[in-house]
Amino acid sequence: MKYFLFVCSLAFTLTIAGCGTNNSSSKPAREFTKNGQAQVDKTVVIANPESVTALVNKKHQLPESYQPSDLVYADVPFIFNEKIEKRMLRKPAAQALEELFRDAEKEGISLLGVSGYRSHERQKELFAFYAKRDGEEQARTYSAYPGTSEHETGLAIDVTGGSGMCAAADCFAATSEAHWLSKNAYQYGFIIRYPEGEEQVTGYKYEPWHLRYVGKKAAASIFNQYATLETYASKKKA
């Protein structure tokens, strides 16, 4: 098993994609066209990135210099053994995740962390790798442009089942672990950030493994009423 987890960890270094209510400035963010020329898009830079309900997506970008001030190592098992950056989350998210993992275990559901916090520089490296491999247009369907990845907030984590199989893979959707998370994650302040059938709203395909911490109150509202953080944020803003 240790050998298997080590191999998984090594593979995911290259293959895992990054993916109060948001307050944004009107400052546009730069994106790059296929020919490498910079262009101004409608993306805005988030004014309050420390908020646990900050909306980060293809249209709402973190400040380039942003780094969470309260990162800690989440005390949960991961698919790798190293004590590295992607074990980290912001403190409230880490504490909530630890409780979620403990309660899931009591119900016979074994979970493993796959990838938590990711620095801006690391996201740059990953996106550049995917864009070179698959082309920028294709890369943007499954990986976030630097500054627009939820992993940079320290509030998002990818998880998988205790076997380590189906980590950040479509097959995870059919597992008992994914089913349990879809029904229970909100009770701990997490949402399934990219739910099935909401691709046009979130900008990303269904990812049952991608959890985003927003706090219990917001998570309950999204779970029971809004489905996505985008819809929740727009309603609160209105």
C-alpha atoms as a PDB file:
ATOM      1  CA  MET A   1       0.000   0.000   0.000  1.00  0.00           C
ATOM      2  CA  LYS A   2       2.802   2.461   0.874  1.00  0.00           C
ATOM      3  CA  TYR A   3       4.356   1.865  -2.536  1.00  0.00           C
ATOM      4  CA  PHE A   4       1.000   2.428  -4.224  1.00  0.00           C
ATOM      5  CA  LEU A   5       0.421   5.686  -2.343  1.00  0.00           C
ATOM      6  CA  PHE A   6       3.924   6.871  -3.183  1.00  0.00           C
ATOM      7  CA  VAL A   7       3.299   6.228  -6.887  1.00  0.00           C
ATOM      8  CA  CYS A   8      -0.033   8.034  -6.674  1.00  0.00           C
ATOM      9  CA  SER A   9       1.641  10.996  -5.012  1.00  0.00           C
ATOM     10  CA  LEU A  10       4.287  11.204  -7.698  1.00  0.00           C
ATOM     11  CA  ALA A  11       1.744  10.941 -10.482  1.00  0.00           C
ATOM     12  CA  PHE A  12      -0.547  13.580  -9.030  1.00  0.00           C
ATOM     13  CA  THR A  13       2.285  16.083  -8.843  1.00  0.00           C
ATOM     14  CA  LEU A  14       1.856  16.345 -12.606  1.00  0.00           C
ATOM     15  CA  THR A  15      -1.761  15.446 -13.204  1.00  0.00           C
ATOM     16  CA  ILE A  16      -4.053  17.077 -10.629  1.00  0.00           C
ATOM     17  CA  ALA A  17      -5.843  20.161 -11.963  1.00  0.00           C
ATOM     18  CA  GLY A  18      -6.392  23.197  -9.986  1.00  0.00           C
ATOM     19  CA  CYS A  19      -9.319  23.989  -9.596  1.00  0.00           C
ATOM     20  CA  GLY A  20     -18.687  37.329   3.413  1.00  0.00           C
ATOM     21  CA  THR A  21     -19.860  37.064  -0.232  1.00  0.00           C
ATOM     22  CA  ASN A  22     -17.232  38.092  -2.686  1.00  0.00           C
ATOM     23  CA  ASN A  23     -16.296  41.742  -2.888  1.00  0.00           C
ATOM     24  CA  SER A  24     -14.403  42.663  -6.033  1.00  0.00           C
ATOM     25  CA  SER A  25     -12.593  45.697  -7.349  1.00  0.00           C
ATOM     26  CA  SER A  26     -13.127  46.836 -10.903  1.00  0.00           C
ATOM     27  CA  LYS A  27      -9.499  46.267 -11.799  1.00  0.00           C
ATOM     28  CA  PRO A  28      -9.312  43.915 -14.788  1.00  0.00           C
ATOM     29  CA  ALA A  29      -6.935  40.974 -14.739  1.00  0.00           C
ATOM     30  CA  ARG A  30      -4.696  39.994 -17.613  1.00  0.00           C
ATOM     31  CA  GLU A  31      -5.118  36.810 -19.568  1.00  0.00           C
ATOM     32  CA  PHE A  32      -3.144  35.516 -22.504  1.00  0.00           C
ATOM     33  CA  THR A  33      -4.282  34.548 -25.962  1.00  0.00           C
ATOM     34  CA  LYS A  34      -3.002  31.489 -27.781  1.00  0.00           C
ATOM     35  CA  ASN A  35      -0.255  33.512 -29.420  1.00  0.00           C
ATOM     36  CA  GLY A  36       0.989  34.660 -26.032  1.00  0.00           C
ATOM     37  CA  GLN A  37      -0.252  38.249 -26.309  1.00  0.00           C
ATOM     38  CA  ALA A  38      -1.726  39.765 -23.162  1.00  0.00           C
ATOM     39  CA  GLN A  39      -5.327  40.886 -23.282  1.00  0.00           C
ATOM     40  CA  VAL A  40      -7.691  42.501 -20.782  1.00  0.00           C
ATOM     41  CA  ASP A  41     -10.677  40.343 -19.920  1.00  0.00           C
ATOM     42  CA  LYS A  42     -13.670  41.010 -17.694  1.00  0.00           C
ATOM     43  CA  THR A  43     -12.000  39.287 -14.765  1.00  0.00           C
ATOM     44  CA  VAL A  44     -11.954  41.346 -11.575  1.00  0.00           C
ATOM     45  CA  VAL A  45      -9.527  41.133  -8.685  1.00  0.00           C
ATOM     46  CA  ILE A  46     -11.130  40.102  -5.396  1.00  0.00           C
ATOM     47  CA  ALA A  47     -11.020  42.849  -2.787  1.00  0.00           C
ATOM     48  CA  ASN A  48     -11.573  40.591   0.234  1.00  0.00           C
ATOM     49  CA  PRO A  49      -9.739  37.308  -0.445  1.00  0.00           C
ATOM     50  CA  GLU A  50      -9.701  36.347   3.255  1.00  0.00           C
ATOM     51  CA  SER A  51     -13.482  35.895   3.305  1.00  0.00           C
ATOM     52  CA  VAL A  52     -14.420  32.207   3.517  1.00  0.00           C
ATOM     53  CA  THR A  53     -17.160  32.812   0.940  1.00  0.00           C
ATOM     54  CA  ALA A  54     -14.932  34.689  -1.506  1.00  0.00           C
ATOM     55  CA  LEU A  55     -15.930  33.781  -5.056  1.00  0.00           C
ATOM     56  CA  VAL A  56     -12.917  32.606  -7.029  1.00  0.00           C
ATOM     57  CA  ASN A  57     -13.515  31.481 -10.595  1.00  0.00           C
ATOM     58  CA  LYS A  58     -12.674  32.360 -14.187  1.00  0.00           C
ATOM     59  CA  LYS A  59     -14.105  35.850 -13.714  1.00  0.00           C
ATOM     60  CA  HIS A  60     -12.942  36.560 -10.165  1.00  0.00           C
ATOM     61  CA  GLN A  61      -9.231  36.488  -9.469  1.00  0.00           C
ATOM     62  CA  LEU A  62      -7.158  36.572  -6.298  1.00  0.00           C
ATOM     63  CA  PRO A  63      -4.562  39.334  -5.914  1.00  0.00           C
ATOM     64  CA  GLU A  64      -1.295  38.052  -7.343  1.00  0.00           C
ATOM     65  CA  SER A  65       0.500  38.607  -4.035  1.00  0.00           C
ATOM     66  CA  TYR A  66      -2.177  36.904  -1.945  1.00  0.00           C
ATOM     67  CA  GLN A  67      -1.135  34.184   0.469  1.00  0.00           C
ATOM     68  CA  PRO A  68      -3.447  32.967   3.251  1.00  0.00           C
ATOM     69  CA  SER A  69      -2.221  34.085   6.665  1.00  0.00           C
ATOM     70  CA  ASP A  70      -3.521  31.124   8.670  1.00  0.00           C
ATOM     71  CA  LEU A  71      -2.347  28.050   6.774  1.00  0.00           C
ATOM     72  CA  VAL A  72      -1.891  24.889   8.848  1.00  0.00           C
ATOM     73  CA  TYR A  73      -1.270  21.241   8.075  1.00  0.00           C
ATOM     74  CA  ALA A  74      -4.592  19.384   8.063  1.00  0.00           C
ATOM     75  CA  ASP A  75      -4.395  16.407  10.416  1.00  0.00           C
ATOM     76  CA  VAL A  76      -5.964  13.898   8.031  1.00  0.00           C
ATOM     77  CA  PRO A  77      -4.445  11.086   5.948  1.00  0.00           C
ATOM     78  CA  PHE A  78      -3.370  11.865   2.385  1.00  0.00           C
ATOM     79  CA  ILE A  79      -2.441   9.688  -0.577  1.00  0.00           C
ATOM     80  CA  PHE A  80       1.181  10.673   0.073  1.00  0.00           C
ATOM     81  CA  ASN A  81       3.312  10.746   3.213  1.00  0.00           C
ATOM     82  CA  GLU A  82       5.392  13.887   2.679  1.00  0.00           C
ATOM     83  CA  LYS A  83       4.660  16.989   4.771  1.00  0.00           C
ATOM     84  CA  ILE A  84       4.403  19.379   1.856  1.00  0.00           C
ATOM     85  CA  GLU A  85       2.416  22.431   0.759  1.00  0.00           C
ATOM     86  CA  LYS A  86      -0.621  20.601  -0.554  1.00  0.00           C
ATOM     87  CA  ARG A  87      -1.323  19.128   2.895  1.00  0.00           C
ATOM     88  CA  MET A  88      -2.143  22.628   4.086  1.00  0.00           C
ATOM     89  CA  LEU A  89      -5.444  24.474   4.447  1.00  0.00           C
ATOM     90  CA  ARG A  90      -6.552  27.599   6.211  1.00  0.00           C
ATOM     91  CA  LYS A  91      -7.150  26.849   9.882  1.00  0.00           C
ATOM     92  CA  PRO A  92     -10.992  26.854   9.909  1.00  0.00           C
ATOM     93  CA  ALA A  93     -11.100  24.640   6.817  1.00  0.00           C
ATOM     94  CA  ALA A  94      -8.519  22.252   8.270  1.00  0.00           C
ATOM     95  CA  GLN A  95     -10.439  21.919  11.527  1.00  0.00           C
ATOM     96  CA  ALA A  96     -13.709  21.299   9.692  1.00  0.00           C
ATOM     97  CA  LEU A  97     -12.052  18.727   7.431  1.00  0.00           C
ATOM     98  CA  GLU A  98     -10.649  16.839  10.406  1.00  0.00           C
ATOM     99  CA  GLU A  99     -14.139  16.617  11.911  1.00  0.00           C
ATOM    100  CA  LEU A 100     -15.602  15.503   8.579  1.00  0.00           C
ATOM    101  CA  PHE A 101     -13.006  12.743   8.198  1.00  0.00           C
ATOM    102  CA  ARG A 102     -13.583  11.518  11.765  1.00  0.00           C
ATOM    103  CA  ASP A 103     -17.353  11.346  11.382  1.00  0.00           C
ATOM    104  CA  ALA A 104     -17.113   9.703   7.963  1.00  0.00           C
ATOM    105  CA  GLU A 105     -14.866   7.014   9.464  1.00  0.00           C
ATOM    106  CA  LYS A 106     -17.481   6.332  12.149  1.00  0.00           C
ATOM    107  CA  GLU A 107     -19.960   5.611   9.368  1.00  0.00           C
ATOM    108  CA  GLY A 108     -17.596   3.283   7.537  1.00  0.00           C
ATOM    109  CA  ILE A 109     -16.473   5.868   4.996  1.00  0.00           C
ATOM    110  CA  SER A 110     -12.696   6.092   4.602  1.00  0.00           C
ATOM    111  CA  LEU A 111     -11.292   9.223   2.978  1.00  0.00           C
ATOM    112  CA  LEU A 112      -7.892  10.490   1.899  1.00  0.00           C
ATOM    113  CA  GLY A 113      -6.733  13.968   1.024  1.00  0.00           C
ATOM    114  CA  VAL A 114      -5.283  14.457  -2.458  1.00  0.00           C
ATOM    115  CA  SER A 115      -4.419  18.142  -2.844  1.00  0.00           C
ATOM    116  CA  GLY A 116      -5.159  21.153  -0.647  1.00  0.00           C
ATOM    117  CA  TYR A 117      -3.432  24.534  -0.746  1.00  0.00           C
ATOM    118  CA  ARG A 118      -1.495  25.499  -3.838  1.00  0.00           C
ATOM    119  CA  SER A 119       0.645  28.615  -4.114  1.00  0.00           C
ATOM    120  CA  HIS A 120       0.289  31.084  -6.979  1.00  0.00           C
ATOM    121  CA  GLU A 121       3.699  30.080  -8.310  1.00  0.00           C
ATOM    122  CA  ARG A 122       2.779  26.398  -8.237  1.00  0.00           C
ATOM    123  CA  GLN A 123      -0.472  27.113 -10.078  1.00  0.00           C
ATOM    124  CA  LYS A 124       1.520  28.956 -12.732  1.00  0.00           C
ATOM    125  CA  GLU A 125       3.709  25.900 -13.208  1.00  0.00           C
ATOM    126  CA  LEU A 126       0.771  23.524 -13.452  1.00  0.00           C
ATOM    127  CA  PHE A 127      -1.229  25.630 -15.874  1.00  0.00           C
ATOM    128  CA  ALA A 128       1.805  26.158 -18.105  1.00  0.00           C
ATOM    129  CA  PHE A 129       2.373  22.389 -18.151  1.00  0.00           C
ATOM    130  CA  TYR A 130      -1.238  21.637 -19.129  1.00  0.00           C
ATOM    131  CA  ALA A 131      -1.350  24.427 -21.718  1.00  0.00           C
ATOM    132  CA  LYS A 132       1.817  23.133 -23.355  1.00  0.00           C
ATOM    133  CA  ARG A 133       0.516  19.569 -23.336  1.00  0.00           C
ATOM    134  CA  ASP A 134      -3.090  20.120 -24.438  1.00  0.00           C
ATOM    135  CA  GLY A 135      -3.256  23.712 -25.644  1.00  0.00           C
ATOM    136  CA  GLU A 136      -4.498  26.638 -23.571  1.00  0.00           C
ATOM    137  CA  GLU A 137      -8.135  26.386 -24.660  1.00  0.00           C
ATOM    138  CA  GLN A 138      -8.386  22.751 -23.602  1.00  0.00           C
ATOM    139  CA  ALA A 139      -6.379  23.329 -20.428  1.00  0.00           C
ATOM    140  CA  ARG A 140      -8.853  25.971 -19.263  1.00  0.00           C
ATOM    141  CA  THR A 141     -11.691  23.396 -19.225  1.00  0.00           C
ATOM    142  CA  TYR A 142     -10.102  21.473 -16.361  1.00  0.00           C
ATOM    143  CA  SER A 143      -7.342  23.663 -14.889  1.00  0.00           C
ATOM    144  CA  ALA A 144      -7.502  27.180 -13.497  1.00  0.00           C
ATOM    145  CA  TYR A 145      -5.551  30.128 -14.826  1.00  0.00           C
ATOM    146  CA  PRO A 146      -3.116  31.337 -12.120  1.00  0.00           C
ATOM    147  CA  GLY A 147      -4.955  33.477  -9.604  1.00  0.00           C
ATOM    148  CA  THR A 148      -8.325  31.883 -10.366  1.00  0.00           C
ATOM    149  CA  SER A 149      -7.706  28.538  -8.686  1.00  0.00           C
ATOM    150  CA  GLU A 150      -9.635  27.838  -5.502  1.00  0.00           C
ATOM    151  CA  HIS A 151      -6.650  25.891  -4.242  1.00  0.00           C
ATOM    152  CA  GLU A 152      -4.821  29.212  -3.876  1.00  0.00           C
ATOM    153  CA  THR A 153      -7.372  30.300  -1.252  1.00  0.00           C
ATOM    154  CA  GLY A 154      -6.420  27.518   1.168  1.00  0.00           C
ATOM    155  CA  LEU A 155     -10.125  26.707   1.435  1.00  0.00           C
ATOM    156  CA  ALA A 156     -10.346  23.960  -1.186  1.00  0.00           C
ATOM    157  CA  ILE A 157      -9.228  20.354  -1.155  1.00  0.00           C
ATOM    158  CA  ASP A 158      -9.519  17.365  -3.460  1.00  0.00           C
ATOM    159  CA  VAL A 159     -10.294  14.100  -1.689  1.00  0.00           C
ATOM    160  CA  THR A 160     -10.705  10.456  -2.602  1.00  0.00           C
ATOM    161  CA  GLY A 161     -11.643   7.139  -1.037  1.00  0.00           C
ATOM    162  CA  GLY A 162      -9.416   5.274   1.389  1.00  0.00           C
ATOM    163  CA  SER A 163      -8.137   2.905  -1.292  1.00  0.00           C
ATOM    164  CA  GLY A 164      -6.506   5.784  -3.140  1.00  0.00           C
ATOM    165  CA  MET A 165      -8.244   4.740  -6.336  1.00  0.00           C
ATOM    166  CA  CYS A 166     -10.158   7.212  -8.541  1.00  0.00           C
ATOM    167  CA  ALA A 167      -8.319  10.217  -7.077  1.00  0.00           C
ATOM    168  CA  ALA A 168      -9.400  13.299  -9.069  1.00  0.00           C
ATOM    169  CA  ALA A 169     -10.923  10.956 -11.630  1.00  0.00           C
ATOM    170  CA  ASP A 170     -14.440  10.618 -13.013  1.00  0.00           C
ATOM    171  CA  CYS A 171     -14.813   7.136 -11.533  1.00  0.00           C
ATOM    172  CA  PHE A 172     -14.920   8.683  -8.049  1.00  0.00           C
ATOM    173  CA  ALA A 173     -18.511   9.815  -8.728  1.00  0.00           C
ATOM    174  CA  ALA A 174     -19.782   6.224  -8.477  1.00  0.00           C
ATOM    175  CA  THR A 175     -18.167   5.493  -5.109  1.00  0.00           C
ATOM    176  CA  SER A 176     -19.819   5.330  -1.697  1.00  0.00           C
ATOM    177  CA  GLU A 177     -17.397   8.028  -0.523  1.00  0.00           C
ATOM    178  CA  ALA A 178     -18.617  10.477  -3.185  1.00  0.00           C
ATOM    179  CA  HIS A 179     -22.224   9.699  -2.317  1.00  0.00           C
ATOM    180  CA  TRP A 180     -21.580  10.312   1.383  1.00  0.00           C
ATOM    181  CA  LEU A 181     -19.846  13.612   0.676  1.00  0.00           C
ATOM    182  CA  SER A 182     -22.656  14.808  -1.583  1.00  0.00           C
ATOM    183  CA  LYS A 183     -25.149  14.263   1.243  1.00  0.00           C
ATOM    184  CA  ASN A 184     -23.094  15.294   4.264  1.00  0.00           C
ATOM    185  CA  ALA A 185     -20.256  17.685   3.399  1.00  0.00           C
ATOM    186  CA  TYR A 186     -22.400  20.781   3.913  1.00  0.00           C
ATOM    187  CA  GLN A 187     -22.904  19.889   7.588  1.00  0.00           C
ATOM    188  CA  TYR A 188     -19.194  20.597   8.093  1.00  0.00           C
ATOM    189  CA  GLY A 189     -19.149  23.826   6.071  1.00  0.00           C
ATOM    190  CA  PHE A 190     -18.066  22.314   2.737  1.00  0.00           C
ATOM    191  CA  ILE A 191     -19.780  22.257  -0.641  1.00  0.00           C
ATOM    192  CA  ILE A 192     -19.176  20.173  -3.744  1.00  0.00           C
ATOM    193  CA  ARG A 193     -17.807  23.164  -5.601  1.00  0.00           C
ATOM    194  CA  TYR A 194     -18.422  21.946  -9.148  1.00  0.00           C
ATOM    195  CA  PRO A 195     -21.705  19.998  -9.033  1.00  0.00           C
ATOM    196  CA  GLU A 196     -23.117  17.885 -11.813  1.00  0.00           C
ATOM    197  CA  GLY A 197     -25.193  19.783 -14.367  1.00  0.00           C
ATOM    198  CA  GLU A 198     -23.844  23.210 -13.392  1.00  0.00           C
ATOM    199  CA  GLU A 199     -20.953  23.428 -15.830  1.00  0.00           C
ATOM    200  CA  GLN A 200     -22.350  26.533 -17.542  1.00  0.00           C
ATOM    201  CA  VAL A 201     -22.509  28.294 -14.171  1.00  0.00           C
ATOM    202  CA  THR A 202     -19.211  27.231 -12.607  1.00  0.00           C
ATOM    203  CA  GLY A 203     -17.157  26.995 -15.795  1.00  0.00           C
ATOM    204  CA  TYR A 204     -15.864  23.526 -14.893  1.00  0.00           C
ATOM    205  CA  LYS A 205     -16.989  19.980 -15.390  1.00  0.00           C
ATOM    206  CA  TYR A 206     -18.447  17.942 -12.530  1.00  0.00           C
ATOM    207  CA  GLU A 207     -15.843  17.282  -9.827  1.00  0.00           C
ATOM    208  CA  PRO A 208     -17.329  15.286  -6.937  1.00  0.00           C
ATOM    209  CA  TRP A 209     -13.917  15.201  -5.261  1.00  0.00           C
ATOM    210  CA  HIS A 210     -13.417  18.989  -5.031  1.00  0.00           C
ATOM    211  CA  LEU A 211     -14.560  20.358  -1.669  1.00  0.00           C
ATOM    212  CA  ARG A 212     -14.682  24.071  -0.869  1.00  0.00           C
ATOM    213  CA  TYR A 213     -15.034  25.393   2.654  1.00  0.00           C
ATOM    214  CA  VAL A 214     -17.509  28.281   2.958  1.00  0.00           C
ATOM    215  CA  GLY A 215     -18.671  27.866   6.567  1.00  0.00           C
ATOM    216  CA  LYS A 216     -21.710  25.979   7.827  1.00  0.00           C
ATOM    217  CA  LYS A 217     -24.302  28.703   7.258  1.00  0.00           C
ATOM    218  CA  ALA A 218     -23.334  29.377   3.635  1.00  0.00           C
ATOM    219  CA  ALA A 219     -22.846  25.669   2.918  1.00  0.00           C
ATOM    220  CA  ALA A 220     -26.362  24.877   4.148  1.00  0.00           C
ATOM    221  CA  SER A 221     -27.819  27.663   1.981  1.00  0.00           C
ATOM    222  CA  ILE A 222     -25.956  26.468  -1.101  1.00  0.00           C
ATOM    223  CA  PHE A 223     -26.848  22.828  -0.469  1.00  0.00           C
ATOM    224  CA  ASN A 224     -30.542  23.492   0.130  1.00  0.00           C
ATOM    225  CA  GLN A 225     -31.219  26.379  -2.205  1.00  0.00           C
ATOM    226  CA  TYR A 226     -28.513  27.681  -4.526  1.00  0.00           C
ATOM    227  CA  ALA A 227     -26.500  24.669  -5.797  1.00  0.00           C
ATOM    228  CA  THR A 228     -23.416  26.749  -6.639  1.00  0.00           C
ATOM    229  CA  LEU A 229     -21.291  29.420  -4.994  1.00  0.00           C
ATOM    230  CA  GLU A 230     -21.826  31.597  -8.069  1.00  0.00           C
ATOM    231  CA  THR A 231     -25.607  31.625  -7.593  1.00  0.00           C
ATOM    232  CA  TYR A 232     -25.260  32.154  -3.849  1.00  0.00           C
ATOM    233  CA  ALA A 233     -22.895  35.095  -4.357  1.00  0.00           C
ATOM    234  CA  SER A 234     -25.133  36.743  -6.968  1.00  0.00           C
ATOM    235  CA  LYS A 235     -28.219  36.462  -4.762  1.00  0.00           C
ATOM    236  CA  LYS A 236     -26.399  37.852  -1.731  1.00  0.00           C
ATOM    237  CA  LYS A 237     -25.022  40.717  -3.787  1.00  0.00           C
ATOM    238  CA  ALA A 238     -28.510  41.539  -5.045  1.00  0.00           C
END
